[in-house]
Amino acid sequence: GMPAILPNGPAEFLPFGDLNVLIKAQRPIVCFLDDIGQAAPAVQAALMQLLLARRVNGHKISDHVIFCGATNDTKHMAGVAGMLEPVKSRWHSIVELEVSVDDWCAWALDNNMPPELIAFIRFRPQLLCDFKPTRELVNSPCPRTVASVGGWLNIGVKDHSVIAGAAGEGFATELTAFLQMFAKLPNLDTIIIDRKSVV
């Protein structure tokens, strides 16, 4: 909150912005705390009162607010030092999320990803998340980097080195070969209209 001296009273912290929304919420709201494991221990410790007591500087968080958090694992090499034990125990549960090819493809269709990329992921689903953390300056396939490849394909960039830079050398090699085969496939509408003309 913002420290303020109230008329005829002591100084108080007045909530504003997102905190004010959480205090005054009259409808269900999810407060998502991202990258908690990358936060310094002092920042994580500051979350304990918020998560368990649901109070900040004397202000009560609305009962309509649900807290949800996320972090990378320590093995992901994302600058995560871990999470304080008393912070972990304040969550009702900790679950590990896994990549879903079906969910990603549904997202891809709704977000203008190229059909040939979606077809490739359907053909090689394990390449949607072949994440390999490394200190080297290279990327590996994960939903975010595969979406970056989709962005390049949408603007007509199919250069092997660009795709490799976005999602890794192995991904680029397989996708490039798939795109060459994809380009040679007969048109489905043509087959339906005149089967005899397609050899």
C-alpha atoms as a PDB file:
ATOM      1  CA  GLY A   1       0.000   0.000   0.000  1.00  0.00           C
ATOM      2  CA  MET A   2       0.859   3.673  -0.138  1.00  0.00           C
ATOM      3  CA  PRO A   3       1.800   5.258   3.209  1.00  0.00           C
ATOM      4  CA  ALA A   4      -0.505   8.168   4.024  1.00  0.00           C
ATOM      5  CA  ILE A   5      -1.330  10.362   7.021  1.00  0.00           C
ATOM      6  CA  LEU A   6      -5.078  10.266   7.603  1.00  0.00           C
ATOM      7  CA  PRO A   7      -7.018  13.308   8.895  1.00  0.00           C
ATOM      8  CA  ASN A   8      -7.173  13.230  12.693  1.00  0.00           C
ATOM      9  CA  GLY A   9      -5.479   9.872  12.807  1.00  0.00           C
ATOM     10  CA  PRO A  10      -2.250   7.893  12.534  1.00  0.00           C
ATOM     11  CA  ALA A  11      -0.438   7.102   9.316  1.00  0.00           C
ATOM     12  CA  GLU A  12      -1.673   4.034   7.460  1.00  0.00           C
ATOM     13  CA  PHE A  13      -0.893   2.096   4.328  1.00  0.00           C
ATOM     14  CA  LEU A  14      -3.687   2.781   1.852  1.00  0.00           C
ATOM     15  CA  PRO A  15      -4.193  -0.025  -0.681  1.00  0.00           C
ATOM     16  CA  PHE A  16      -4.145   0.835  -4.365  1.00  0.00           C
ATOM     17  CA  GLY A  17      -3.919  -0.916  -7.714  1.00  0.00           C
ATOM     18  CA  ASP A  18      -4.127  -4.716  -7.722  1.00  0.00           C
ATOM     19  CA  LEU A  19      -4.058  -4.936  -3.922  1.00  0.00           C
ATOM     20  CA  ASN A  20      -7.114  -2.705  -3.723  1.00  0.00           C
ATOM     21  CA  VAL A  21      -8.887  -4.968  -6.232  1.00  0.00           C
ATOM     22  CA  LEU A  22      -8.118  -8.024  -4.064  1.00  0.00           C
ATOM     23  CA  ILE A  23      -9.447  -6.324  -0.935  1.00  0.00           C
ATOM     24  CA  LYS A  24     -12.664  -5.016  -2.495  1.00  0.00           C
ATOM     25  CA  ALA A  25     -13.459  -7.988  -4.760  1.00  0.00           C
ATOM     26  CA  GLN A  26     -17.182  -8.797  -4.913  1.00  0.00           C
ATOM     27  CA  ARG A  27     -16.898 -11.588  -7.475  1.00  0.00           C
ATOM     28  CA  PRO A  28     -14.534 -14.593  -7.887  1.00  0.00           C
ATOM     29  CA  ILE A  29     -11.002 -13.512  -8.808  1.00  0.00           C
ATOM     30  CA  VAL A  30      -7.861 -15.619  -9.272  1.00  0.00           C
ATOM     31  CA  CYS A  31      -4.681 -13.910  -8.103  1.00  0.00           C
ATOM     32  CA  PHE A  32      -1.860 -15.626  -9.990  1.00  0.00           C
ATOM     33  CA  LEU A  33       1.626 -15.332  -8.469  1.00  0.00           C
ATOM     34  CA  ASP A  34       4.130 -16.341 -11.136  1.00  0.00           C
ATOM     35  CA  ASP A  35       7.826 -17.297 -10.864  1.00  0.00           C
ATOM     36  CA  ILE A  36       7.726 -17.588  -7.073  1.00  0.00           C
ATOM     37  CA  GLY A  37      10.810 -19.817  -7.035  1.00  0.00           C
ATOM     38  CA  GLN A  38      12.876 -17.066  -8.667  1.00  0.00           C
ATOM     39  CA  ALA A  39      12.001 -14.588  -5.918  1.00  0.00           C
ATOM     40  CA  ALA A  40      14.499 -13.782  -3.183  1.00  0.00           C
ATOM     41  CA  PRO A  41      13.790 -15.422   0.213  1.00  0.00           C
ATOM     42  CA  ALA A  42      12.669 -12.061   1.664  1.00  0.00           C
ATOM     43  CA  VAL A  43      10.095 -11.666  -1.123  1.00  0.00           C
ATOM     44  CA  GLN A  44       8.860 -15.236  -0.627  1.00  0.00           C
ATOM     45  CA  ALA A  45       8.602 -14.662   3.123  1.00  0.00           C
ATOM     46  CA  ALA A  46       6.439 -11.598   2.476  1.00  0.00           C
ATOM     47  CA  LEU A  47       3.907 -13.878   0.757  1.00  0.00           C
ATOM     48  CA  MET A  48       3.335 -15.995   3.876  1.00  0.00           C
ATOM     49  CA  GLN A  49       0.972 -13.553   5.602  1.00  0.00           C
ATOM     50  CA  LEU A  50      -0.874 -12.949   2.330  1.00  0.00           C
ATOM     51  CA  LEU A  51      -1.412 -16.652   1.598  1.00  0.00           C
ATOM     52  CA  LEU A  52      -2.311 -17.924   5.070  1.00  0.00           C
ATOM     53  CA  ALA A  53      -3.734 -14.993   7.031  1.00  0.00           C
ATOM     54  CA  ARG A  54      -5.044 -13.311   3.853  1.00  0.00           C
ATOM     55  CA  ARG A  55      -4.080  -9.942   5.258  1.00  0.00           C
ATOM     56  CA  VAL A  56      -1.685  -7.185   4.197  1.00  0.00           C
ATOM     57  CA  ASN A  57      -0.874  -4.335   6.591  1.00  0.00           C
ATOM     58  CA  GLY A  58      -4.158  -4.805   8.432  1.00  0.00           C
ATOM     59  CA  HIS A  59      -6.258  -5.043   5.267  1.00  0.00           C
ATOM     60  CA  LYS A  60      -8.228  -8.267   4.741  1.00  0.00           C
ATOM     61  CA  ILE A  61      -8.237  -9.926   1.325  1.00  0.00           C
ATOM     62  CA  SER A  62     -11.747 -10.612   0.029  1.00  0.00           C
ATOM     63  CA  ASP A  63     -13.080 -14.150   0.451  1.00  0.00           C
ATOM     64  CA  HIS A  64     -13.803 -14.090  -3.300  1.00  0.00           C
ATOM     65  CA  VAL A  65     -10.047 -14.202  -4.061  1.00  0.00           C
ATOM     66  CA  ILE A  66      -8.305 -17.491  -4.836  1.00  0.00           C
ATOM     67  CA  PHE A  67      -4.495 -17.559  -4.870  1.00  0.00           C
ATOM     68  CA  CYS A  68      -2.679 -19.649  -7.440  1.00  0.00           C
ATOM     69  CA  GLY A  69       1.084 -19.762  -7.981  1.00  0.00           C
ATOM     70  CA  ALA A  70       3.630 -21.177 -10.367  1.00  0.00           C
ATOM     71  CA  THR A  71       7.362 -21.687 -10.625  1.00  0.00           C
ATOM     72  CA  ASN A  72       9.884 -23.552 -12.683  1.00  0.00           C
ATOM     73  CA  ASP A  73      11.632 -26.501 -11.090  1.00  0.00           C
ATOM     74  CA  THR A  74      15.202 -26.117  -9.872  1.00  0.00           C
ATOM     75  CA  LYS A  75      16.403 -28.496 -12.625  1.00  0.00           C
ATOM     76  CA  HIS A  76      15.036 -26.219 -15.364  1.00  0.00           C
ATOM     77  CA  MET A  77      17.988 -23.808 -15.033  1.00  0.00           C
ATOM     78  CA  ALA A  78      15.613 -20.848 -14.825  1.00  0.00           C
ATOM     79  CA  GLY A  79      17.248 -19.113 -11.880  1.00  0.00           C
ATOM     80  CA  VAL A  80      15.107 -20.979  -9.345  1.00  0.00           C
ATOM     81  CA  ALA A  81      16.822 -21.480  -6.003  1.00  0.00           C
ATOM     82  CA  GLY A  82      13.806 -23.246  -4.512  1.00  0.00           C
ATOM     83  CA  MET A  83      10.849 -22.265  -2.391  1.00  0.00           C
ATOM     84  CA  LEU A  84      10.845 -21.671   1.345  1.00  0.00           C
ATOM     85  CA  GLU A  85       9.252 -24.576   3.236  1.00  0.00           C
ATOM     86  CA  PRO A  86       6.696 -22.378   5.066  1.00  0.00           C
ATOM     87  CA  VAL A  87       5.670 -20.876   1.705  1.00  0.00           C
ATOM     88  CA  LYS A  88       5.213 -24.339   0.170  1.00  0.00           C
ATOM     89  CA  SER A  89       3.077 -25.529   3.072  1.00  0.00           C
ATOM     90  CA  ARG A  90       0.685 -22.598   2.684  1.00  0.00           C
ATOM     91  CA  TRP A  91      -0.615 -23.908  -0.649  1.00  0.00           C
ATOM     92  CA  HIS A  92      -3.494 -26.391  -0.488  1.00  0.00           C
ATOM     93  CA  SER A  93      -1.691 -28.597  -3.014  1.00  0.00           C
ATOM     94  CA  ILE A  94       1.322 -28.634  -5.338  1.00  0.00           C
ATOM     95  CA  VAL A  95       0.855 -30.230  -8.745  1.00  0.00           C
ATOM     96  CA  GLU A  96       3.204 -30.672 -11.692  1.00  0.00           C
ATOM     97  CA  LEU A  97       1.710 -29.570 -14.992  1.00  0.00           C
ATOM     98  CA  GLU A  98       2.441 -31.610 -18.094  1.00  0.00           C
ATOM     99  CA  VAL A  99       2.281 -30.550 -21.716  1.00  0.00           C
ATOM    100  CA  SER A 100      -0.836 -31.666 -23.592  1.00  0.00           C
ATOM    101  CA  VAL A 101      -0.538 -31.975 -27.369  1.00  0.00           C
ATOM    102  CA  ASP A 102      -4.322 -31.746 -27.758  1.00  0.00           C
ATOM    103  CA  ASP A 103      -4.505 -28.562 -25.677  1.00  0.00           C
ATOM    104  CA  TRP A 104      -1.580 -26.987 -27.544  1.00  0.00           C
ATOM    105  CA  CYS A 105      -3.123 -27.824 -30.931  1.00  0.00           C
ATOM    106  CA  ALA A 106      -6.452 -26.327 -29.832  1.00  0.00           C
ATOM    107  CA  TRP A 107      -4.587 -23.191 -28.719  1.00  0.00           C
ATOM    108  CA  ALA A 108      -2.634 -23.144 -31.987  1.00  0.00           C
ATOM    109  CA  LEU A 109      -5.826 -23.254 -34.066  1.00  0.00           C
ATOM    110  CA  ASP A 110      -7.250 -20.331 -32.076  1.00  0.00           C
ATOM    111  CA  ASN A 111      -4.033 -18.304 -32.360  1.00  0.00           C
ATOM    112  CA  ASN A 112      -3.293 -18.418 -36.085  1.00  0.00           C
ATOM    113  CA  MET A 113      -0.495 -20.996 -35.962  1.00  0.00           C
ATOM    114  CA  PRO A 114       0.271 -22.387 -39.456  1.00  0.00           C
ATOM    115  CA  PRO A 115      -1.576 -25.626 -40.261  1.00  0.00           C
ATOM    116  CA  GLU A 116       1.628 -27.331 -41.388  1.00  0.00           C
ATOM    117  CA  LEU A 117       3.187 -26.746 -37.952  1.00  0.00           C
ATOM    118  CA  ILE A 118       0.110 -28.161 -36.215  1.00  0.00           C
ATOM    119  CA  ALA A 119       0.243 -31.164 -38.567  1.00  0.00           C
ATOM    120  CA  PHE A 120       3.945 -31.632 -37.749  1.00  0.00           C
ATOM    121  CA  ILE A 121       3.254 -31.613 -34.001  1.00  0.00           C
ATOM    122  CA  ARG A 122       0.460 -34.147 -34.541  1.00  0.00           C
ATOM    123  CA  PHE A 123       2.954 -36.255 -36.535  1.00  0.00           C
ATOM    124  CA  ARG A 124       5.785 -35.873 -33.967  1.00  0.00           C
ATOM    125  CA  PRO A 125       4.015 -35.088 -30.659  1.00  0.00           C
ATOM    126  CA  GLN A 126       7.129 -35.734 -28.562  1.00  0.00           C
ATOM    127  CA  LEU A 127       8.747 -32.688 -30.188  1.00  0.00           C
ATOM    128  CA  LEU A 128       6.233 -30.311 -28.638  1.00  0.00           C
ATOM    129  CA  CYS A 129       8.188 -30.620 -25.395  1.00  0.00           C
ATOM    130  CA  ASP A 130      11.689 -32.015 -25.784  1.00  0.00           C
ATOM    131  CA  PHE A 131      13.041 -29.471 -23.315  1.00  0.00           C
ATOM    132  CA  LYS A 132      16.734 -29.878 -22.456  1.00  0.00           C
ATOM    133  CA  PRO A 133      18.051 -27.227 -20.031  1.00  0.00           C
ATOM    134  CA  THR A 134      21.577 -26.105 -20.839  1.00  0.00           C
ATOM    135  CA  ARG A 135      23.928 -23.237 -20.154  1.00  0.00           C
ATOM    136  CA  GLU A 136      24.719 -23.063 -23.879  1.00  0.00           C
ATOM    137  CA  LEU A 137      23.085 -20.375 -26.018  1.00  0.00           C
ATOM    138  CA  VAL A 138      20.665 -22.719 -27.788  1.00  0.00           C
ATOM    139  CA  ASN A 139      16.923 -23.339 -27.565  1.00  0.00           C
ATOM    140  CA  SER A 140      15.087 -26.636 -27.348  1.00  0.00           C
ATOM    141  CA  PRO A 141      11.491 -27.497 -28.256  1.00  0.00           C
ATOM    142  CA  CYS A 142       8.795 -26.488 -25.779  1.00  0.00           C
ATOM    143  CA  PRO A 143       5.332 -24.988 -26.372  1.00  0.00           C
ATOM    144  CA  ARG A 144       6.739 -21.430 -26.229  1.00  0.00           C
ATOM    145  CA  THR A 145       9.584 -22.025 -28.704  1.00  0.00           C
ATOM    146  CA  VAL A 146       7.359 -24.044 -31.060  1.00  0.00           C
ATOM    147  CA  ALA A 147       4.958 -21.083 -31.091  1.00  0.00           C
ATOM    148  CA  SER A 148       7.935 -18.880 -32.033  1.00  0.00           C
ATOM    149  CA  VAL A 149       8.547 -21.156 -35.005  1.00  0.00           C
ATOM    150  CA  GLY A 150       4.893 -20.658 -35.955  1.00  0.00           C
ATOM    151  CA  GLY A 151       5.431 -16.905 -35.931  1.00  0.00           C
ATOM    152  CA  TRP A 152       8.365 -17.253 -38.331  1.00  0.00           C
ATOM    153  CA  LEU A 153       6.433 -19.563 -40.659  1.00  0.00           C
ATOM    154  CA  ASN A 154       3.488 -17.139 -40.692  1.00  0.00           C
ATOM    155  CA  ILE A 155       5.691 -14.404 -42.176  1.00  0.00           C
ATOM    156  CA  GLY A 156       7.232 -16.761 -44.723  1.00  0.00           C
ATOM    157  CA  VAL A 157      10.540 -17.493 -42.976  1.00  0.00           C
ATOM    158  CA  LYS A 158      11.465 -21.170 -43.373  1.00  0.00           C
ATOM    159  CA  ASP A 159      15.237 -20.829 -43.118  1.00  0.00           C
ATOM    160  CA  HIS A 160      16.738 -23.798 -41.288  1.00  0.00           C
ATOM    161  CA  SER A 161      19.068 -21.695 -39.131  1.00  0.00           C
ATOM    162  CA  VAL A 162      16.233 -19.401 -37.992  1.00  0.00           C
ATOM    163  CA  ILE A 163      14.046 -22.357 -37.016  1.00  0.00           C
ATOM    164  CA  ALA A 164      17.022 -23.998 -35.274  1.00  0.00           C
ATOM    165  CA  GLY A 165      17.605 -20.764 -33.361  1.00  0.00           C
ATOM    166  CA  ALA A 166      13.984 -20.763 -32.249  1.00  0.00           C
ATOM    167  CA  ALA A 167      13.526 -24.410 -31.230  1.00  0.00           C
ATOM    168  CA  GLY A 168      16.792 -26.306 -31.670  1.00  0.00           C
ATOM    169  CA  GLU A 169      18.769 -28.043 -34.406  1.00  0.00           C
ATOM    170  CA  GLY A 170      16.973 -31.392 -34.192  1.00  0.00           C
ATOM    171  CA  PHE A 171      13.542 -29.781 -34.337  1.00  0.00           C
ATOM    172  CA  ALA A 172      14.587 -27.671 -37.329  1.00  0.00           C
ATOM    173  CA  THR A 173      15.948 -30.671 -39.235  1.00  0.00           C
ATOM    174  CA  GLU A 174      12.779 -32.715 -38.787  1.00  0.00           C
ATOM    175  CA  LEU A 175      10.420 -29.801 -39.464  1.00  0.00           C
ATOM    176  CA  THR A 176      12.303 -28.804 -42.636  1.00  0.00           C
ATOM    177  CA  ALA A 177      12.007 -32.356 -44.008  1.00  0.00           C
ATOM    178  CA  PHE A 178       8.319 -32.454 -43.048  1.00  0.00           C
ATOM    179  CA  LEU A 179       7.627 -29.121 -44.782  1.00  0.00           C
ATOM    180  CA  GLN A 180       9.234 -30.393 -47.990  1.00  0.00           C
ATOM    181  CA  MET A 181       6.988 -33.474 -47.913  1.00  0.00           C
ATOM    182  CA  PHE A 182       3.965 -31.369 -46.925  1.00  0.00           C
ATOM    183  CA  ALA A 183       4.444 -29.121 -49.969  1.00  0.00           C
ATOM    184  CA  LYS A 184       4.263 -32.139 -52.310  1.00  0.00           C
ATOM    185  CA  LEU A 185       0.998 -33.517 -50.944  1.00  0.00           C
ATOM    186  CA  PRO A 186      -1.947 -33.378 -53.373  1.00  0.00           C
ATOM    187  CA  ASN A 187      -4.734 -30.904 -52.676  1.00  0.00           C
ATOM    188  CA  LEU A 188      -7.622 -32.605 -50.871  1.00  0.00           C
ATOM    189  CA  ASP A 189     -10.259 -30.476 -52.637  1.00  0.00           C
ATOM    190  CA  THR A 190      -8.824 -31.485 -56.018  1.00  0.00           C
ATOM    191  CA  ILE A 191      -9.025 -35.162 -55.090  1.00  0.00           C
ATOM    192  CA  ILE A 192     -12.676 -34.795 -54.053  1.00  0.00           C
ATOM    193  CA  ILE A 193     -13.624 -32.884 -57.218  1.00  0.00           C
ATOM    194  CA  ASP A 194     -11.749 -35.054 -59.738  1.00  0.00           C
ATOM    195  CA  ARG A 195     -10.128 -38.208 -58.429  1.00  0.00           C
ATOM    196  CA  LYS A 196      -8.878 -39.248 -61.865  1.00  0.00           C
ATOM    197  CA  SER A 197      -6.792 -36.105 -62.308  1.00  0.00           C
ATOM    198  CA  VAL A 198      -4.665 -36.865 -59.240  1.00  0.00           C
ATOM    199  CA  VAL A 199      -1.808 -39.297 -59.797  1.00  0.00           C
END
